[in-house]
Amino acid sequence: MHAKTDSEVTSLATSSPNRPVYYVQSPSRDSHDGEKTTNSFHSTPAALSPVGSPGRHSRDSSSTRFSGSLKPGSQKSSNGPRRHHHRLKGEEKQWKEFDAIEEEGLLDEEGGRRGIPRRCYVLAFVVGFFVLFTFFSLILWGASRNQKPIVTMKSISFDQFIVQAGSDASGVATEMVTTNSTLKLIFRNKGTFFGVHVTSTPLDLSFTQLAVGTGTIKKFYQSRRSQRTVTAVLQGSNIPLYGGGADLSSKDGKPTSPVPLNLNFTVRARAYVLGKLVKPKFSRRIQCSMVMDPKKMGVAISLKTSCTYQ
């Protein structure tokens, strides 16, 4: 093949001196074939010069030019498969490294997520629930405190008021008082979202700081935005007056002059807004001053302007 190339080059040089010559080399050859081709170009004795003049010097120079111009191509064609193979290996290595990095990132992310135990989430949920519940309870408590019940004293009537001489349990002689009266008041619940349970302390009806009658208000429940009239009975039987009865005159067991009396008690109410967790308390202390007229027995005495509320 190399000998034939020399004759073809000579015939082409004589027949068409101005026509360029093209050499086609397959890039699919391996490095060994490329080395052979390079060697064949180096061993070519004659080549065509651009002006077509034959000669040993021109052939040597042409051979040198052709070999010099084809060496890089031959090296490129010979090293091409190797570089392609190395490039594939490099890309595969990069993909493997990328997959390893991505897998490490996923593992780190999973490790970060697993770093917080589940009990911490449960604890945070419980704490947050209690905080919100406490805040909501405080709101309800504050709203309920502004809706205090109202107690209004209405009237009191004396059915019996007897003053007579007697003696106490130890045999000391003194004036004795027996009373029976009925008290009426109005209880109003202003609460818009809760009812109240109402009780009271003992109702004390006193004369010169001596209790001559006592009574209680029965426990009851008052629903929201409602009111009722409450009735209480105050009674006292054979209450010794001792020195206090000196100013109290009577005839046939009846006082001959009006008797000043005082009434003291406290009304208490409790609301269960949120079960037994939010249960505001209300209290109203009431003090009333009145005059019992023996000529108006059984007649209701108005207390609307005779009482103070605390």
C-alpha atoms as a PDB file:
ATOM      1  CA  MET A   1       0.000   0.000   0.000  1.00  0.00           C
ATOM      2  CA  HIS A   2       2.919   2.364   0.740  1.00  0.00           C
ATOM      3  CA  ALA A   3       4.688   1.576  -2.603  1.00  0.00           C
ATOM      4  CA  LYS A   4       1.541   2.205  -4.479  1.00  0.00           C
ATOM      5  CA  THR A   5       1.132   5.555  -2.813  1.00  0.00           C
ATOM      6  CA  ASP A   6       4.523   6.767  -4.166  1.00  0.00           C
ATOM      7  CA  SER A   7       3.626   5.944  -7.778  1.00  0.00           C
ATOM      8  CA  GLU A   8       0.241   7.527  -7.409  1.00  0.00           C
ATOM      9  CA  VAL A   9       1.792  10.683  -5.999  1.00  0.00           C
ATOM     10  CA  THR A  10       4.254  10.896  -8.955  1.00  0.00           C
ATOM     11  CA  SER A  11       1.568  10.353 -11.571  1.00  0.00           C
ATOM     12  CA  LEU A  12      -0.731  12.899  -9.925  1.00  0.00           C
ATOM     13  CA  ALA A  13       2.118  15.421  -9.735  1.00  0.00           C
ATOM     14  CA  THR A  14       2.884  15.140 -13.495  1.00  0.00           C
ATOM     15  CA  SER A  15      -0.690  15.037 -14.681  1.00  0.00           C
ATOM     16  CA  SER A  16      -2.225  17.796 -12.560  1.00  0.00           C
ATOM     17  CA  PRO A  17       0.345  19.970 -10.871  1.00  0.00           C
ATOM     18  CA  ASN A  18      -2.140  22.614  -9.737  1.00  0.00           C
ATOM     19  CA  ARG A  19      -4.736  20.238  -8.209  1.00  0.00           C
ATOM     20  CA  PRO A  20      -4.461  19.769  -4.444  1.00  0.00           C
ATOM     21  CA  VAL A  21      -4.102  16.351  -3.017  1.00  0.00           C
ATOM     22  CA  TYR A  22      -6.394  15.107  -0.220  1.00  0.00           C
ATOM     23  CA  TYR A  23      -5.604  12.349   2.239  1.00  0.00           C
ATOM     24  CA  VAL A  24      -8.480  10.723   4.078  1.00  0.00           C
ATOM     25  CA  GLN A  25      -7.715   8.899   7.280  1.00  0.00           C
ATOM     26  CA  SER A  26     -10.372   6.935   9.179  1.00  0.00           C
ATOM     27  CA  PRO A  27     -10.709   8.153  12.793  1.00  0.00           C
ATOM     28  CA  SER A  28     -11.920   4.752  13.901  1.00  0.00           C
ATOM     29  CA  ARG A  29      -8.445   3.249  13.809  1.00  0.00           C
ATOM     30  CA  ASP A  30      -6.787   2.439  17.012  1.00  0.00           C
ATOM     31  CA  SER A  31      -3.529   3.856  18.232  1.00  0.00           C
ATOM     32  CA  HIS A  32      -1.467   1.113  16.583  1.00  0.00           C
ATOM     33  CA  ASP A  33      -2.893   1.836  13.132  1.00  0.00           C
ATOM     34  CA  GLY A  34      -2.381   5.549  13.706  1.00  0.00           C
ATOM     35  CA  GLU A  35       1.275   4.965  14.463  1.00  0.00           C
ATOM     36  CA  LYS A  36       1.608   2.936  11.274  1.00  0.00           C
ATOM     37  CA  THR A  37       0.011   5.689   9.243  1.00  0.00           C
ATOM     38  CA  THR A  38       2.303   8.265  10.757  1.00  0.00           C
ATOM     39  CA  ASN A  39       5.276   6.096  10.001  1.00  0.00           C
ATOM     40  CA  SER A  40       4.077   5.608   6.435  1.00  0.00           C
ATOM     41  CA  PHE A  41       3.894   9.359   5.964  1.00  0.00           C
ATOM     42  CA  HIS A  42       7.340   9.759   7.373  1.00  0.00           C
ATOM     43  CA  SER A  43       8.625   7.042   5.029  1.00  0.00           C
ATOM     44  CA  THR A  44       7.038   8.526   1.903  1.00  0.00           C
ATOM     45  CA  PRO A  45       9.971   9.459  -0.383  1.00  0.00           C
ATOM     46  CA  ALA A  46       8.227  11.899  -2.674  1.00  0.00           C
ATOM     47  CA  ALA A  47       5.324  14.272  -2.581  1.00  0.00           C
ATOM     48  CA  LEU A  48       3.882  17.015  -4.679  1.00  0.00           C
ATOM     49  CA  SER A  49       4.893  20.524  -4.050  1.00  0.00           C
ATOM     50  CA  PRO A  50       2.356  23.316  -4.494  1.00  0.00           C
ATOM     51  CA  VAL A  51       3.959  24.245  -7.856  1.00  0.00           C
ATOM     52  CA  GLY A  52       4.311  20.621  -8.989  1.00  0.00           C
ATOM     53  CA  SER A  53       8.158  20.628  -9.488  1.00  0.00           C
ATOM     54  CA  PRO A  54       9.638  17.204  -8.688  1.00  0.00           C
ATOM     55  CA  GLY A  55      12.924  16.757  -6.924  1.00  0.00           C
ATOM     56  CA  ARG A  56      14.520  15.099  -3.961  1.00  0.00           C
ATOM     57  CA  HIS A  57      14.750  18.261  -1.921  1.00  0.00           C
ATOM     58  CA  SER A  58      11.183  19.251  -2.704  1.00  0.00           C
ATOM     59  CA  ARG A  59       9.965  15.773  -1.955  1.00  0.00           C
ATOM     60  CA  ASP A  60      11.768  15.745   1.346  1.00  0.00           C
ATOM     61  CA  SER A  61      10.380  19.105   2.299  1.00  0.00           C
ATOM     62  CA  SER A  62       6.905  18.099   1.155  1.00  0.00           C
ATOM     63  CA  SER A  63       7.193  14.867   3.076  1.00  0.00           C
ATOM     64  CA  THR A  64       8.286  16.794   6.094  1.00  0.00           C
ATOM     65  CA  ARG A  65       5.383  19.194   5.740  1.00  0.00           C
ATOM     66  CA  PHE A  66       2.882  16.414   5.250  1.00  0.00           C
ATOM     67  CA  SER A  67       4.226  14.416   8.122  1.00  0.00           C
ATOM     68  CA  GLY A  68       4.302  17.524  10.336  1.00  0.00           C
ATOM     69  CA  SER A  69       0.814  18.487   9.379  1.00  0.00           C
ATOM     70  CA  LEU A  70      -0.566  15.015   9.882  1.00  0.00           C
ATOM     71  CA  LYS A  71       1.138  14.165  13.153  1.00  0.00           C
ATOM     72  CA  PRO A  72      -1.275  16.111  15.291  1.00  0.00           C
ATOM     73  CA  GLY A  73      -4.213  14.644  13.448  1.00  0.00           C
ATOM     74  CA  SER A  74      -2.849  11.173  13.740  1.00  0.00           C
ATOM     75  CA  GLN A  75      -2.184  11.689  17.431  1.00  0.00           C
ATOM     76  CA  LYS A  76      -5.659  13.080  17.848  1.00  0.00           C
ATOM     77  CA  SER A  77      -7.196  10.163  15.993  1.00  0.00           C
ATOM     78  CA  SER A  78      -5.118   7.701  17.926  1.00  0.00           C
ATOM     79  CA  ASN A  79      -5.763   9.318  21.281  1.00  0.00           C
ATOM     80  CA  GLY A  80      -9.443  10.007  20.510  1.00  0.00           C
ATOM     81  CA  PRO A  81     -10.849   6.670  21.708  1.00  0.00           C
ATOM     82  CA  ARG A  82      -8.660   6.827  24.792  1.00  0.00           C
ATOM     83  CA  ARG A  83      -9.839  10.339  25.634  1.00  0.00           C
ATOM     84  CA  HIS A  84     -13.424   9.343  24.923  1.00  0.00           C
ATOM     85  CA  HIS A  85     -13.014   6.343  27.174  1.00  0.00           C
ATOM     86  CA  HIS A  86     -11.399   8.462  29.899  1.00  0.00           C
ATOM     87  CA  ARG A  87     -14.142  11.087  29.523  1.00  0.00           C
ATOM     88  CA  LEU A  88     -16.830   8.441  29.971  1.00  0.00           C
ATOM     89  CA  LYS A  89     -15.039   7.143  33.003  1.00  0.00           C
ATOM     90  CA  GLY A  90     -14.720  10.679  34.383  1.00  0.00           C
ATOM     91  CA  GLU A  91     -18.396  11.418  33.842  1.00  0.00           C
ATOM     92  CA  GLU A  92     -19.333   8.120  35.431  1.00  0.00           C
ATOM     93  CA  LYS A  93     -17.070   8.937  38.356  1.00  0.00           C
ATOM     94  CA  GLN A  94     -18.648  12.389  38.691  1.00  0.00           C
ATOM     95  CA  TRP A  95     -22.157  10.899  38.645  1.00  0.00           C
ATOM     96  CA  LYS A  96     -21.110   8.391  41.272  1.00  0.00           C
ATOM     97  CA  GLU A  97     -19.678  11.181  43.409  1.00  0.00           C
ATOM     98  CA  PHE A  98     -22.863  13.248  42.925  1.00  0.00           C
ATOM     99  CA  ASP A  99     -25.029  10.266  43.892  1.00  0.00           C
ATOM    100  CA  ALA A 100     -22.856   9.687  46.945  1.00  0.00           C
ATOM    101  CA  ILE A 101     -23.105  13.360  47.960  1.00  0.00           C
ATOM    102  CA  GLU A 102     -26.864  13.372  47.423  1.00  0.00           C
ATOM    103  CA  GLU A 103     -27.223  10.191  49.429  1.00  0.00           C
ATOM    104  CA  GLU A 104     -25.089  11.661  52.199  1.00  0.00           C
ATOM    105  CA  GLY A 105     -27.287  14.797  52.158  1.00  0.00           C
ATOM    106  CA  LEU A 106     -30.419  12.700  52.450  1.00  0.00           C
ATOM    107  CA  LEU A 107     -28.847  10.709  55.248  1.00  0.00           C
ATOM    108  CA  ASP A 108     -27.826  13.925  56.998  1.00  0.00           C
ATOM    109  CA  GLU A 109     -31.342  15.311  56.574  1.00  0.00           C
ATOM    110  CA  GLU A 110     -32.872  12.115  57.920  1.00  0.00           C
ATOM    111  CA  GLY A 111     -30.340  12.157  60.733  1.00  0.00           C
ATOM    112  CA  GLY A 112     -31.285  15.762  61.514  1.00  0.00           C
ATOM    113  CA  ARG A 113     -34.923  14.848  61.596  1.00  0.00           C
ATOM    114  CA  ARG A 114     -34.262  11.854  63.729  1.00  0.00           C
ATOM    115  CA  GLY A 115     -32.189  14.062  66.015  1.00  0.00           C
ATOM    116  CA  ILE A 116     -35.387  15.420  67.681  1.00  0.00           C
ATOM    117  CA  PRO A 117     -37.164  12.585  69.501  1.00  0.00           C
ATOM    118  CA  ARG A 118     -40.895  12.148  69.252  1.00  0.00           C
ATOM    119  CA  ARG A 119     -41.415  12.770  72.942  1.00  0.00           C
ATOM    120  CA  CYS A 120     -40.190  16.349  72.441  1.00  0.00           C
ATOM    121  CA  TYR A 121     -43.032  16.957  69.972  1.00  0.00           C
ATOM    122  CA  VAL A 122     -45.492  15.440  72.421  1.00  0.00           C
ATOM    123  CA  LEU A 123     -44.129  17.577  75.237  1.00  0.00           C
ATOM    124  CA  ALA A 124     -44.301  20.727  73.091  1.00  0.00           C
ATOM    125  CA  PHE A 125     -47.893  19.917  72.143  1.00  0.00           C
ATOM    126  CA  VAL A 126     -48.900  19.384  75.776  1.00  0.00           C
ATOM    127  CA  VAL A 127     -47.198  22.594  76.918  1.00  0.00           C
ATOM    128  CA  GLY A 128     -48.759  24.588  74.089  1.00  0.00           C
ATOM    129  CA  PHE A 129     -52.177  23.151  74.864  1.00  0.00           C
ATOM    130  CA  PHE A 130     -51.916  24.091  78.531  1.00  0.00           C
ATOM    131  CA  VAL A 131     -50.707  27.593  77.670  1.00  0.00           C
ATOM    132  CA  LEU A 132     -53.609  28.179  75.284  1.00  0.00           C
ATOM    133  CA  PHE A 133     -56.083  26.654  77.718  1.00  0.00           C
ATOM    134  CA  THR A 134     -54.786  28.832  80.546  1.00  0.00           C
ATOM    135  CA  PHE A 135     -54.996  31.932  78.360  1.00  0.00           C
ATOM    136  CA  PHE A 136     -58.566  31.074  77.360  1.00  0.00           C
ATOM    137  CA  SER A 137     -59.494  30.431  81.003  1.00  0.00           C
ATOM    138  CA  LEU A 138     -58.088  33.794  82.044  1.00  0.00           C
ATOM    139  CA  ILE A 139     -60.166  35.486  79.361  1.00  0.00           C
ATOM    140  CA  LEU A 140     -63.324  33.783  80.625  1.00  0.00           C
ATOM    141  CA  TRP A 141     -62.471  34.615  84.229  1.00  0.00           C
ATOM    142  CA  GLY A 142     -61.866  38.286  83.412  1.00  0.00           C
ATOM    143  CA  ALA A 143     -65.082  38.505  81.403  1.00  0.00           C
ATOM    144  CA  SER A 144     -67.121  36.908  84.181  1.00  0.00           C
ATOM    145  CA  ARG A 145     -65.700  39.215  86.872  1.00  0.00           C
ATOM    146  CA  ASN A 146     -67.302  42.202  85.156  1.00  0.00           C
ATOM    147  CA  GLN A 147     -70.752  40.628  85.368  1.00  0.00           C
ATOM    148  CA  LYS A 148     -71.418  40.669  89.100  1.00  0.00           C
ATOM    149  CA  PRO A 149     -74.882  39.757  90.330  1.00  0.00           C
ATOM    150  CA  ILE A 150     -77.093  42.510  91.711  1.00  0.00           C
ATOM    151  CA  VAL A 151     -78.926  42.249  95.045  1.00  0.00           C
ATOM    152  CA  THR A 152     -81.732  44.677  95.754  1.00  0.00           C
ATOM    153  CA  MET A 153     -83.477  44.796  99.109  1.00  0.00           C
ATOM    154  CA  LYS A 154     -87.228  45.048  98.734  1.00  0.00           C
ATOM    155  CA  SER A 155     -89.099  45.019 102.058  1.00  0.00           C
ATOM    156  CA  ILE A 156     -89.491  43.534 105.506  1.00  0.00           C
ATOM    157  CA  SER A 157     -92.669  42.933 107.451  1.00  0.00           C
ATOM    158  CA  PHE A 158     -93.008  42.151 111.161  1.00  0.00           C
ATOM    159  CA  ASP A 159     -95.690  39.647 111.979  1.00  0.00           C
ATOM    160  CA  GLN A 160     -94.830  39.418 115.654  1.00  0.00           C
ATOM    161  CA  PHE A 161     -92.747  41.468 118.072  1.00  0.00           C
ATOM    162  CA  ILE A 162     -93.350  40.683 121.753  1.00  0.00           C
ATOM    163  CA  VAL A 163     -91.497  42.115 124.730  1.00  0.00           C
ATOM    164  CA  GLN A 164     -92.063  40.522 128.145  1.00  0.00           C
ATOM    165  CA  ALA A 165     -90.257  39.887 131.381  1.00  0.00           C
ATOM    166  CA  GLY A 166     -88.493  36.586 131.885  1.00  0.00           C
ATOM    167  CA  SER A 167     -85.247  34.902 132.883  1.00  0.00           C
ATOM    168  CA  ASP A 168     -82.440  33.290 130.960  1.00  0.00           C
ATOM    169  CA  ALA A 169     -81.127  29.727 131.307  1.00  0.00           C
ATOM    170  CA  SER A 170     -79.108  30.645 134.393  1.00  0.00           C
ATOM    171  CA  GLY A 171     -82.128  32.222 136.126  1.00  0.00           C
ATOM    172  CA  VAL A 172     -81.181  35.875 135.653  1.00  0.00           C
ATOM    173  CA  ALA A 173     -84.254  38.113 135.357  1.00  0.00           C
ATOM    174  CA  THR A 174     -84.361  40.273 132.231  1.00  0.00           C
ATOM    175  CA  GLU A 175     -86.541  41.416 129.389  1.00  0.00           C
ATOM    176  CA  MET A 176     -87.194  38.771 126.733  1.00  0.00           C
ATOM    177  CA  VAL A 177     -88.005  39.395 123.029  1.00  0.00           C
ATOM    178  CA  THR A 178     -89.773  37.155 120.542  1.00  0.00           C
ATOM    179  CA  THR A 179     -89.839  38.178 116.881  1.00  0.00           C
ATOM    180  CA  ASN A 180     -91.123  36.826 113.610  1.00  0.00           C
ATOM    181  CA  SER A 181     -90.537  38.737 110.387  1.00  0.00           C
ATOM    182  CA  THR A 182     -90.361  38.164 106.655  1.00  0.00           C
ATOM    183  CA  LEU A 183     -87.669  39.632 104.406  1.00  0.00           C
ATOM    184  CA  LYS A 184     -87.891  40.012 100.653  1.00  0.00           C
ATOM    185  CA  LEU A 185     -85.113  40.827  98.222  1.00  0.00           C
ATOM    186  CA  ILE A 186     -84.467  40.605  94.473  1.00  0.00           C
ATOM    187  CA  PHE A 187     -81.476  38.690  93.121  1.00  0.00           C
ATOM    188  CA  ARG A 188     -80.477  39.344  89.512  1.00  0.00           C
ATOM    189  CA  ASN A 189     -77.830  37.459  87.546  1.00  0.00           C
ATOM    190  CA  LYS A 190     -76.215  39.641  84.879  1.00  0.00           C
ATOM    191  CA  GLY A 191     -74.053  36.846  83.488  1.00  0.00           C
ATOM    192  CA  THR A 192     -74.454  36.366  79.749  1.00  0.00           C
ATOM    193  CA  PHE A 193     -72.843  32.942  79.516  1.00  0.00           C
ATOM    194  CA  PHE A 194     -72.990  31.416  83.020  1.00  0.00           C
ATOM    195  CA  GLY A 195     -75.368  30.715  85.870  1.00  0.00           C
ATOM    196  CA  VAL A 196     -74.624  31.122  89.571  1.00  0.00           C
ATOM    197  CA  HIS A 197     -75.198  29.138  92.751  1.00  0.00           C
ATOM    198  CA  VAL A 198     -76.378  31.474  95.530  1.00  0.00           C
ATOM    199  CA  THR A 199     -76.029  31.128  99.294  1.00  0.00           C
ATOM    200  CA  SER A 200     -75.795  33.587 102.186  1.00  0.00           C
ATOM    201  CA  THR A 201     -74.458  34.026 105.657  1.00  0.00           C
ATOM    202  CA  PRO A 202     -77.006  34.033 108.519  1.00  0.00           C
ATOM    203  CA  LEU A 203     -79.263  37.086 108.467  1.00  0.00           C
ATOM    204  CA  ASP A 204     -78.955  38.895 111.789  1.00  0.00           C
ATOM    205  CA  LEU A 205     -81.653  41.242 113.021  1.00  0.00           C
ATOM    206  CA  SER A 206     -80.284  43.127 115.981  1.00  0.00           C
ATOM    207  CA  PHE A 207     -81.364  45.622 118.620  1.00  0.00           C
ATOM    208  CA  THR A 208     -78.539  47.612 120.236  1.00  0.00           C
ATOM    209  CA  GLN A 209     -76.027  45.042 118.990  1.00  0.00           C
ATOM    210  CA  LEU A 210     -78.049  42.184 120.397  1.00  0.00           C
ATOM    211  CA  ALA A 211     -79.442  39.721 117.849  1.00  0.00           C
ATOM    212  CA  VAL A 212     -83.190  39.421 118.291  1.00  0.00           C
ATOM    213  CA  GLY A 213     -83.838  37.424 115.143  1.00  0.00           C
ATOM    214  CA  THR A 214     -81.934  35.310 112.681  1.00  0.00           C
ATOM    215  CA  GLY A 215     -82.598  33.536 109.411  1.00  0.00           C
ATOM    216  CA  THR A 216     -80.989  32.080 106.274  1.00  0.00           C
ATOM    217  CA  ILE A 217     -81.507  32.142 102.528  1.00  0.00           C
ATOM    218  CA  LYS A 218     -81.950  28.702 101.055  1.00  0.00           C
ATOM    219  CA  LYS A 219     -79.377  27.790  98.439  1.00  0.00           C
ATOM    220  CA  PHE A 220     -80.607  28.157  94.886  1.00  0.00           C
ATOM    221  CA  TYR A 221     -79.368  28.329  91.293  1.00  0.00           C
ATOM    222  CA  GLN A 222     -79.931  31.368  89.137  1.00  0.00           C
ATOM    223  CA  SER A 223     -79.588  30.938  85.377  1.00  0.00           C
ATOM    224  CA  ARG A 224     -77.967  33.514  83.135  1.00  0.00           C
ATOM    225  CA  ARG A 225     -79.720  36.817  82.472  1.00  0.00           C
ATOM    226  CA  SER A 226     -82.512  36.175  84.928  1.00  0.00           C
ATOM    227  CA  GLN A 227     -83.728  37.298  88.344  1.00  0.00           C
ATOM    228  CA  ARG A 228     -85.977  36.156  91.177  1.00  0.00           C
ATOM    229  CA  THR A 229     -87.526  37.378  94.395  1.00  0.00           C
ATOM    230  CA  VAL A 230     -86.034  35.684  97.430  1.00  0.00           C
ATOM    231  CA  THR A 231     -87.906  35.382 100.700  1.00  0.00           C
ATOM    232  CA  ALA A 232     -86.303  34.737 104.069  1.00  0.00           C
ATOM    233  CA  VAL A 233     -87.856  34.304 107.465  1.00  0.00           C
ATOM    234  CA  LEU A 234     -86.181  35.822 110.517  1.00  0.00           C
ATOM    235  CA  GLN A 235     -87.205  34.437 113.896  1.00  0.00           C
ATOM    236  CA  GLY A 236     -86.194  34.839 117.499  1.00  0.00           C
ATOM    237  CA  SER A 237     -87.728  33.246 120.555  1.00  0.00           C
ATOM    238  CA  ASN A 238     -87.209  34.486 124.143  1.00  0.00           C
ATOM    239  CA  ILE A 239     -84.021  36.353 123.371  1.00  0.00           C
ATOM    240  CA  PRO A 240     -82.695  37.956 126.604  1.00  0.00           C
ATOM    241  CA  LEU A 241     -82.001  41.679 126.320  1.00  0.00           C
ATOM    242  CA  TYR A 242     -80.257  42.184 129.665  1.00  0.00           C
ATOM    243  CA  GLY A 243     -79.255  45.855 129.936  1.00  0.00           C
ATOM    244  CA  GLY A 244     -80.420  46.667 126.439  1.00  0.00           C
ATOM    245  CA  GLY A 245     -84.009  46.247 127.338  1.00  0.00           C
ATOM    246  CA  ALA A 246     -84.023  49.200 129.707  1.00  0.00           C
ATOM    247  CA  ASP A 247     -84.911  51.579 126.891  1.00  0.00           C
ATOM    248  CA  LEU A 248     -87.602  49.258 125.574  1.00  0.00           C
ATOM    249  CA  SER A 249     -90.986  49.851 127.114  1.00  0.00           C
ATOM    250  CA  SER A 250     -93.958  47.629 126.500  1.00  0.00           C
ATOM    251  CA  LYS A 251     -97.558  47.153 127.483  1.00  0.00           C
ATOM    252  CA  ASP A 252     -99.278  43.826 127.396  1.00  0.00           C
ATOM    253  CA  GLY A 253     -96.247  42.434 125.576  1.00  0.00           C
ATOM    254  CA  LYS A 254     -96.325  45.034 122.856  1.00  0.00           C
ATOM    255  CA  PRO A 255     -93.812  47.886 122.500  1.00  0.00           C
ATOM    256  CA  THR A 256     -95.287  51.256 123.109  1.00  0.00           C
ATOM    257  CA  SER A 257     -92.828  53.139 120.860  1.00  0.00           C
ATOM    258  CA  PRO A 258     -91.007  52.459 117.571  1.00  0.00           C
ATOM    259  CA  VAL A 259     -88.020  50.132 117.896  1.00  0.00           C
ATOM    260  CA  PRO A 260     -84.852  50.781 115.814  1.00  0.00           C
ATOM    261  CA  LEU A 261     -83.386  47.621 114.317  1.00  0.00           C
ATOM    262  CA  ASN A 262     -80.445  46.707 112.118  1.00  0.00           C
ATOM    263  CA  LEU A 263     -80.051  43.931 109.549  1.00  0.00           C
ATOM    264  CA  ASN A 264     -76.699  42.513 108.414  1.00  0.00           C
ATOM    265  CA  PHE A 265     -75.833  39.638 106.100  1.00  0.00           C
ATOM    266  CA  THR A 266     -73.756  38.726 103.052  1.00  0.00           C
ATOM    267  CA  VAL A 267     -74.996  37.167  99.814  1.00  0.00           C
ATOM    268  CA  ARG A 268     -72.519  34.861  98.078  1.00  0.00           C
ATOM    269  CA  ALA A 269     -72.632  33.483  94.568  1.00  0.00           C
ATOM    270  CA  ARG A 270     -70.365  31.154  92.637  1.00  0.00           C
ATOM    271  CA  ALA A 271     -70.312  30.558  88.889  1.00  0.00           C
ATOM    272  CA  TYR A 272     -68.934  27.467  87.145  1.00  0.00           C
ATOM    273  CA  VAL A 273     -67.903  28.979  83.826  1.00  0.00           C
ATOM    274  CA  LEU A 274     -65.592  26.171  82.677  1.00  0.00           C
ATOM    275  CA  GLY A 275     -66.468  23.284  84.915  1.00  0.00           C
ATOM    276  CA  LYS A 276     -64.586  23.470  88.180  1.00  0.00           C
ATOM    277  CA  LEU A 277     -61.545  25.048  86.537  1.00  0.00           C
ATOM    278  CA  VAL A 278     -62.969  28.563  86.111  1.00  0.00           C
ATOM    279  CA  LYS A 279     -65.338  29.342  88.986  1.00  0.00           C
ATOM    280  CA  PRO A 280     -65.440  33.037  89.892  1.00  0.00           C
ATOM    281  CA  LYS A 281     -66.924  34.056  93.243  1.00  0.00           C
ATOM    282  CA  PHE A 282     -69.143  37.029  94.013  1.00  0.00           C
ATOM    283  CA  SER A 283     -70.189  38.477  97.335  1.00  0.00           C
ATOM    284  CA  ARG A 284     -72.307  41.426  98.428  1.00  0.00           C
ATOM    285  CA  ARG A 285     -72.441  42.616 102.003  1.00  0.00           C
ATOM    286  CA  ILE A 286     -75.730  44.294 102.941  1.00  0.00           C
ATOM    287  CA  GLN A 287     -76.500  46.505 105.919  1.00  0.00           C
ATOM    288  CA  CYS A 288     -79.981  47.886 106.510  1.00  0.00           C
ATOM    289  CA  SER A 289     -81.426  50.189 109.129  1.00  0.00           C
ATOM    290  CA  MET A 290     -85.141  50.203 109.857  1.00  0.00           C
ATOM    291  CA  VAL A 291     -87.712  51.163 112.462  1.00  0.00           C
ATOM    292  CA  MET A 292     -90.333  48.734 113.628  1.00  0.00           C
ATOM    293  CA  ASP A 293     -93.605  50.571 114.231  1.00  0.00           C
ATOM    294  CA  PRO A 294     -95.921  48.620 116.552  1.00  0.00           C
ATOM    295  CA  LYS A 295     -98.890  50.326 114.897  1.00  0.00           C
ATOM    296  CA  LYS A 296     -97.979  48.813 111.493  1.00  0.00           C
ATOM    297  CA  MET A 297     -97.663  45.172 112.358  1.00  0.00           C
ATOM    298  CA  GLY A 298     -97.873  42.947 109.292  1.00  0.00           C
ATOM    299  CA  VAL A 299     -97.256  45.869 106.925  1.00  0.00           C
ATOM    300  CA  ALA A 300     -94.262  45.683 104.590  1.00  0.00           C
ATOM    301  CA  ILE A 301     -91.612  48.286 105.312  1.00  0.00           C
ATOM    302  CA  SER A 302     -89.694  49.380 102.220  1.00  0.00           C
ATOM    303  CA  LEU A 303     -85.925  48.910 102.350  1.00  0.00           C
ATOM    304  CA  LYS A 304     -84.982  50.400  98.985  1.00  0.00           C
ATOM    305  CA  THR A 305     -83.445  53.492 100.540  1.00  0.00           C
ATOM    306  CA  SER A 306     -82.511  52.030 103.906  1.00  0.00           C
ATOM    307  CA  CYS A 307     -79.688  49.693 102.883  1.00  0.00           C
ATOM    308  CA  THR A 308     -76.056  49.968 101.887  1.00  0.00           C
ATOM    309  CA  TYR A 309     -74.217  47.502  99.652  1.00  0.00           C
ATOM    310  CA  GLN A 310     -70.566  46.630  99.785  1.00  0.00           C
END
